[in-house]
Amino acid sequence: MFREATVFAGHLQVVEKELTQWQRSIDSSFTNIRNIMLSPLPRVYEEGHNGLAVPSEPEPTMVGGDVQVEQLVSAAQETRKRLDVEVIQPIKQWMVAYRTIAVSGHGSCD
């Protein structure tokens, strides 16, 4: 039984490390998404009467259109918070319980 828990603990350590790294990258990811949403799409240009390039549309179109980009900040915060509370903290709690049993010697029954 403890051997199974030890194998599972190894998997959890890998997942916890990956989730913590992902949690740190959330802000930069959401910042990049925000920057893209606020960027104008490159316009199509056509050859004008005098041979010069002329944009086919007078104004560039924003990638995000009517997206409320300020919501991305709160979405990033909420994602980080929920990842921590609902996933990372329970993993840490399980690992503390596992280590407690391992140190006490009760896990050596296998």
N, C-alpha and C. Protein backbone atom coordinates (compact mmCIF):
# COMPACT_ATOMS: atom_id res chain seq x y z
N MET A 1 0.83 -1.19 0.00
CA MET A 1 0.00 0.00 0.00
C MET A 1 0.88 1.26 0.00
N PHE A 2 1.89 1.30 0.86
CA PHE A 2 2.74 2.49 0.92
C PHE A 2 3.57 2.64 -0.35
N ARG A 3 3.92 1.54 -0.96
CA ARG A 3 4.68 1.58 -2.21
C ARG A 3 3.86 2.31 -3.28
N GLU A 4 2.56 2.01 -3.34
CA GLU A 4 1.68 2.69 -4.29
C GLU A 4 1.63 4.19 -4.00
N ALA A 5 1.57 4.52 -2.73
CA ALA A 5 1.54 5.94 -2.33
C ALA A 5 2.85 6.61 -2.71
N THR A 6 3.95 5.89 -2.61
CA THR A 6 5.26 6.45 -2.97
C THR A 6 5.34 6.74 -4.46
N VAL A 7 4.85 5.81 -5.27
CA VAL A 7 4.82 6.04 -6.72
C VAL A 7 3.93 7.24 -7.04
N PHE A 8 2.77 7.29 -6.41
CA PHE A 8 1.85 8.40 -6.62
C PHE A 8 2.47 9.72 -6.19
N ALA A 9 3.20 9.72 -5.08
CA ALA A 9 3.87 10.93 -4.59
C ALA A 9 4.89 11.42 -5.62
N GLY A 10 5.59 10.51 -6.26
CA GLY A 10 6.54 10.90 -7.30
C GLY A 10 5.85 11.61 -8.45
N HIS A 11 4.68 11.08 -8.85
CA HIS A 11 3.92 11.73 -9.92
C HIS A 11 3.44 13.12 -9.48
N LEU A 12 2.98 13.20 -8.24
CA LEU A 12 2.49 14.49 -7.73
C LEU A 12 3.60 15.53 -7.67
N GLN A 13 4.81 15.12 -7.31
CA GLN A 13 5.93 16.07 -7.26
C GLN A 13 6.18 16.68 -8.64
N VAL A 14 6.13 15.86 -9.68
CA VAL A 14 6.34 16.35 -11.04
C VAL A 14 5.23 17.31 -11.43
N VAL A 15 3.99 16.91 -11.15
CA VAL A 15 2.84 17.76 -11.50
C VAL A 15 2.87 19.07 -10.74
N GLU A 16 3.20 19.00 -9.45
CA GLU A 16 3.26 20.22 -8.64
C GLU A 16 4.29 21.20 -9.20
N LYS A 17 5.44 20.69 -9.58
CA LYS A 17 6.49 21.53 -10.15
C LYS A 17 6.01 22.17 -11.46
N GLU A 18 5.39 21.38 -12.31
CA GLU A 18 4.90 21.90 -13.59
C GLU A 18 3.79 22.93 -13.40
N LEU A 19 2.87 22.66 -12.47
CA LEU A 19 1.78 23.60 -12.21
C LEU A 19 2.30 24.91 -11.63
N THR A 20 3.30 24.83 -10.76
CA THR A 20 3.88 26.04 -10.18
C THR A 20 4.56 26.87 -11.26
N GLN A 21 5.25 26.22 -12.18
CA GLN A 21 5.87 26.94 -13.30
C GLN A 21 4.79 27.58 -14.17
N TRP A 22 3.72 26.84 -14.44
CA TRP A 22 2.63 27.38 -15.26
C TRP A 22 1.98 28.56 -14.56
N GLN A 23 1.81 28.45 -13.25
CA GLN A 23 1.21 29.53 -12.48
C GLN A 23 2.03 30.82 -12.63
N ARG A 24 3.35 30.69 -12.62
CA ARG A 24 4.22 31.87 -12.78
C ARG A 24 4.10 32.47 -14.18
N SER A 25 3.80 31.64 -15.16
CA SER A 25 3.74 32.15 -16.54
C SER A 25 2.38 32.72 -16.91
N ILE A 26 1.41 32.60 -16.03
CA ILE A 26 0.06 33.08 -16.34
C ILE A 26 0.06 34.57 -16.65
N ASP A 27 0.71 35.37 -15.82
CA ASP A 27 0.71 36.82 -16.05
C ASP A 27 1.29 37.19 -17.40
N SER A 28 2.43 36.61 -17.74
CA SER A 28 3.03 36.96 -19.03
C SER A 28 2.17 36.47 -20.18
N SER A 29 1.54 35.32 -20.04
CA SER A 29 0.67 34.81 -21.10
C SER A 29 -0.53 35.73 -21.31
N PHE A 30 -1.15 36.13 -20.22
CA PHE A 30 -2.31 37.01 -20.34
C PHE A 30 -1.90 38.40 -20.84
N THR A 31 -0.71 38.86 -20.46
CA THR A 31 -0.21 40.14 -20.97
C THR A 31 0.01 40.06 -22.47
N ASN A 32 0.58 38.95 -22.93
CA ASN A 32 0.79 38.77 -24.37
C ASN A 32 -0.53 38.71 -25.12
N ILE A 33 -1.51 38.01 -24.56
CA ILE A 33 -2.83 37.95 -25.19
C ILE A 33 -3.44 39.34 -25.26
N ARG A 34 -3.32 40.11 -24.17
CA ARG A 34 -3.85 41.48 -24.14
C ARG A 34 -3.20 42.33 -25.23
N ASN A 35 -1.86 42.22 -25.36
CA ASN A 35 -1.15 43.00 -26.38
C ASN A 35 -1.61 42.63 -27.79
N ILE A 36 -1.84 41.35 -28.00
CA ILE A 36 -2.32 40.92 -29.32
C ILE A 36 -3.72 41.48 -29.58
N MET A 37 -4.58 41.41 -28.58
CA MET A 37 -5.96 41.90 -28.75
C MET A 37 -6.01 43.40 -29.03
N LEU A 38 -5.02 44.13 -28.52
CA LEU A 38 -4.98 45.58 -28.74
C LEU A 38 -4.23 45.97 -30.01
N SER A 39 -3.69 44.98 -30.70
CA SER A 39 -2.91 45.27 -31.91
C SER A 39 -3.81 45.36 -33.13
N PRO A 40 -3.50 46.28 -34.02
CA PRO A 40 -4.26 46.33 -35.27
C PRO A 40 -3.80 45.22 -36.22
N LEU A 41 -4.74 44.67 -36.94
CA LEU A 41 -4.39 43.71 -37.97
C LEU A 41 -3.69 44.45 -39.11
N PRO A 42 -2.71 43.85 -39.71
CA PRO A 42 -2.10 44.50 -40.88
C PRO A 42 -3.16 44.68 -41.97
N ARG A 43 -3.17 45.83 -42.56
CA ARG A 43 -4.17 46.10 -43.60
C ARG A 43 -3.69 45.56 -44.95
N VAL A 44 -4.65 45.33 -45.80
CA VAL A 44 -4.35 44.94 -47.17
C VAL A 44 -4.10 46.22 -47.96
N TYR A 45 -3.06 46.21 -48.75
CA TYR A 45 -2.75 47.37 -49.58
C TYR A 45 -2.94 47.01 -51.04
N GLU A 46 -3.40 47.99 -51.77
CA GLU A 46 -3.59 47.84 -53.21
C GLU A 46 -2.77 48.90 -53.91
N GLU A 47 -2.51 48.65 -55.14
CA GLU A 47 -1.76 49.63 -55.92
C GLU A 47 -2.70 50.74 -56.34
N GLY A 48 -2.32 51.96 -55.97
CA GLY A 48 -3.13 53.12 -56.32
C GLY A 48 -2.91 53.55 -57.76
N HIS A 49 -3.61 54.61 -58.17
CA HIS A 49 -3.53 55.11 -59.55
C HIS A 49 -2.12 55.57 -59.91
N ASN A 50 -1.41 56.06 -58.93
CA ASN A 50 -0.06 56.55 -59.20
C ASN A 50 1.01 55.48 -58.97
N GLY A 51 0.57 54.23 -58.71
CA GLY A 51 1.52 53.14 -58.51
C GLY A 51 1.97 52.96 -57.07
N LEU A 52 1.53 53.85 -56.17
CA LEU A 52 1.88 53.72 -54.75
C LEU A 52 0.89 52.81 -54.03
N ALA A 53 1.34 52.19 -52.98
CA ALA A 53 0.48 51.32 -52.18
C ALA A 53 -0.50 52.16 -51.38
N VAL A 54 -1.76 51.76 -51.44
CA VAL A 54 -2.84 52.46 -50.74
C VAL A 54 -3.60 51.43 -49.91
N PRO A 55 -3.85 51.72 -48.62
CA PRO A 55 -4.61 50.74 -47.82
C PRO A 55 -6.03 50.60 -48.35
N SER A 56 -6.51 49.35 -48.39
CA SER A 56 -7.87 49.11 -48.89
C SER A 56 -8.92 49.54 -47.87
N GLU A 57 -8.53 49.63 -46.61
CA GLU A 57 -9.43 50.10 -45.56
C GLU A 57 -8.81 51.33 -44.93
N PRO A 58 -9.61 52.37 -44.67
CA PRO A 58 -9.03 53.61 -44.13
C PRO A 58 -8.46 53.45 -42.73
N GLU A 59 -9.07 52.63 -41.89
CA GLU A 59 -8.59 52.44 -40.51
C GLU A 59 -8.27 50.97 -40.28
N PRO A 60 -7.20 50.69 -39.53
CA PRO A 60 -6.90 49.29 -39.21
C PRO A 60 -7.95 48.69 -38.29
N THR A 61 -8.18 47.41 -38.41
CA THR A 61 -9.12 46.69 -37.57
C THR A 61 -8.35 46.08 -36.40
N MET A 62 -8.90 46.23 -35.21
CA MET A 62 -8.26 45.67 -34.03
C MET A 62 -8.51 44.16 -34.00
N VAL A 63 -7.50 43.41 -33.60
CA VAL A 63 -7.63 41.95 -33.52
C VAL A 63 -8.77 41.58 -32.57
N GLY A 64 -8.78 42.21 -31.40
CA GLY A 64 -9.76 41.85 -30.37
C GLY A 64 -11.14 42.42 -30.59
N GLY A 65 -11.28 43.29 -31.57
CA GLY A 65 -12.59 43.89 -31.80
C GLY A 65 -13.11 44.57 -30.55
N ASP A 66 -14.26 44.09 -30.07
CA ASP A 66 -14.90 44.67 -28.88
C ASP A 66 -14.56 43.92 -27.59
N VAL A 67 -13.52 43.12 -27.62
CA VAL A 67 -13.13 42.38 -26.42
C VAL A 67 -12.73 43.36 -25.32
N GLN A 68 -13.18 43.08 -24.11
CA GLN A 68 -12.84 43.93 -22.97
C GLN A 68 -11.51 43.43 -22.40
N VAL A 69 -10.42 43.98 -22.92
CA VAL A 69 -9.08 43.50 -22.55
C VAL A 69 -8.76 43.71 -21.07
N GLU A 70 -9.39 44.67 -20.43
CA GLU A 70 -9.12 44.87 -19.00
C GLU A 70 -9.59 43.66 -18.18
N GLN A 71 -10.50 42.88 -18.73
CA GLN A 71 -10.95 41.67 -18.05
C GLN A 71 -9.85 40.61 -17.98
N LEU A 72 -8.86 40.71 -18.86
CA LEU A 72 -7.77 39.74 -18.87
C LEU A 72 -6.95 39.79 -17.58
N VAL A 73 -6.81 40.98 -17.01
CA VAL A 73 -6.06 41.12 -15.75
C VAL A 73 -6.77 40.36 -14.64
N SER A 74 -8.08 40.57 -14.51
CA SER A 74 -8.81 39.87 -13.45
C SER A 74 -8.90 38.37 -13.75
N ALA A 75 -8.97 38.00 -15.03
CA ALA A 75 -8.98 36.58 -15.39
C ALA A 75 -7.67 35.90 -14.99
N ALA A 76 -6.56 36.59 -15.20
CA ALA A 76 -5.25 36.04 -14.83
C ALA A 76 -5.17 35.87 -13.31
N GLN A 77 -5.62 36.86 -12.57
CA GLN A 77 -5.59 36.78 -11.11
C GLN A 77 -6.47 35.64 -10.61
N GLU A 78 -7.65 35.53 -11.18
CA GLU A 78 -8.59 34.47 -10.77
C GLU A 78 -8.04 33.09 -11.13
N THR A 79 -7.41 32.97 -12.28
CA THR A 79 -6.83 31.69 -12.70
C THR A 79 -5.71 31.27 -11.75
N ARG A 80 -4.82 32.21 -11.43
CA ARG A 80 -3.73 31.92 -10.50
C ARG A 80 -4.26 31.50 -9.13
N LYS A 81 -5.24 32.25 -8.65
CA LYS A 81 -5.81 31.99 -7.32
C LYS A 81 -6.48 30.61 -7.28
N ARG A 82 -7.31 30.32 -8.26
CA ARG A 82 -8.02 29.04 -8.27
C ARG A 82 -7.07 27.87 -8.47
N LEU A 83 -6.06 28.04 -9.30
CA LEU A 83 -5.06 26.99 -9.48
C LEU A 83 -4.37 26.69 -8.15
N ASP A 84 -4.05 27.74 -7.42
CA ASP A 84 -3.39 27.55 -6.13
C ASP A 84 -4.33 26.88 -5.13
N VAL A 85 -5.52 27.44 -4.95
CA VAL A 85 -6.44 26.97 -3.92
C VAL A 85 -7.01 25.58 -4.25
N GLU A 86 -7.38 25.37 -5.50
CA GLU A 86 -8.10 24.15 -5.85
C GLU A 86 -7.21 23.00 -6.31
N VAL A 87 -5.96 23.31 -6.67
CA VAL A 87 -5.10 22.24 -7.19
C VAL A 87 -3.78 22.14 -6.42
N ILE A 88 -3.02 23.22 -6.40
CA ILE A 88 -1.67 23.14 -5.81
C ILE A 88 -1.72 22.91 -4.30
N GLN A 89 -2.57 23.63 -3.59
CA GLN A 89 -2.63 23.45 -2.13
C GLN A 89 -3.07 22.04 -1.74
N PRO A 90 -4.09 21.45 -2.38
CA PRO A 90 -4.43 20.06 -2.04
C PRO A 90 -3.28 19.08 -2.32
N ILE A 91 -2.53 19.31 -3.39
CA ILE A 91 -1.37 18.46 -3.67
C ILE A 91 -0.35 18.60 -2.54
N LYS A 92 -0.08 19.84 -2.11
CA LYS A 92 0.87 20.06 -1.02
C LYS A 92 0.39 19.40 0.27
N GLN A 93 -0.90 19.49 0.55
CA GLN A 93 -1.45 18.88 1.76
C GLN A 93 -1.28 17.36 1.72
N TRP A 94 -1.53 16.76 0.56
CA TRP A 94 -1.36 15.32 0.43
C TRP A 94 0.10 14.94 0.64
N MET A 95 1.01 15.74 0.06
CA MET A 95 2.44 15.46 0.19
C MET A 95 2.90 15.58 1.65
N VAL A 96 2.37 16.54 2.40
CA VAL A 96 2.71 16.68 3.82
C VAL A 96 2.25 15.44 4.59
N ALA A 97 1.03 14.99 4.30
CA ALA A 97 0.53 13.79 4.97
C ALA A 97 1.39 12.58 4.60
N TYR A 98 1.75 12.46 3.35
CA TYR A 98 2.59 11.35 2.89
C TYR A 98 3.94 11.37 3.61
N ARG A 99 4.57 12.54 3.65
CA ARG A 99 5.89 12.66 4.30
C ARG A 99 5.80 12.35 5.81
N THR A 100 4.71 12.77 6.42
CA THR A 100 4.51 12.50 7.85
C THR A 100 4.47 11.00 8.11
N ILE A 101 3.76 10.29 7.27
CA ILE A 101 3.67 8.83 7.41
C ILE A 101 5.03 8.19 7.10
N ALA A 102 5.70 8.69 6.07
CA ALA A 102 7.01 8.13 5.70
C ALA A 102 8.02 8.31 6.81
N VAL A 103 8.04 9.49 7.42
CA VAL A 103 9.00 9.78 8.49
C VAL A 103 8.69 8.99 9.76
N SER A 104 7.41 8.79 10.03
CA SER A 104 7.03 8.10 11.25
C SER A 104 7.33 6.60 11.19
N GLY A 105 7.59 6.11 10.01
CA GLY A 105 7.89 4.70 9.87
C GLY A 105 6.68 3.83 9.65
N HIS A 106 5.49 4.42 9.68
CA HIS A 106 4.27 3.66 9.46
C HIS A 106 4.11 3.23 8.00
N GLY A 107 4.86 3.84 7.14
CA GLY A 107 4.75 3.51 5.72
C GLY A 107 5.66 2.40 5.29
N SER A 108 6.42 1.85 6.19
CA SER A 108 7.36 0.80 5.79
C SER A 108 6.76 -0.60 5.86
N CYS A 109 5.44 -0.69 5.99
CA CYS A 109 4.78 -1.99 6.08
C CYS A 109 4.79 -2.76 4.77
N ASP A 110 4.97 -2.09 3.65
CA ASP A 110 4.93 -2.76 2.34
C ASP A 110 6.14 -3.60 2.13
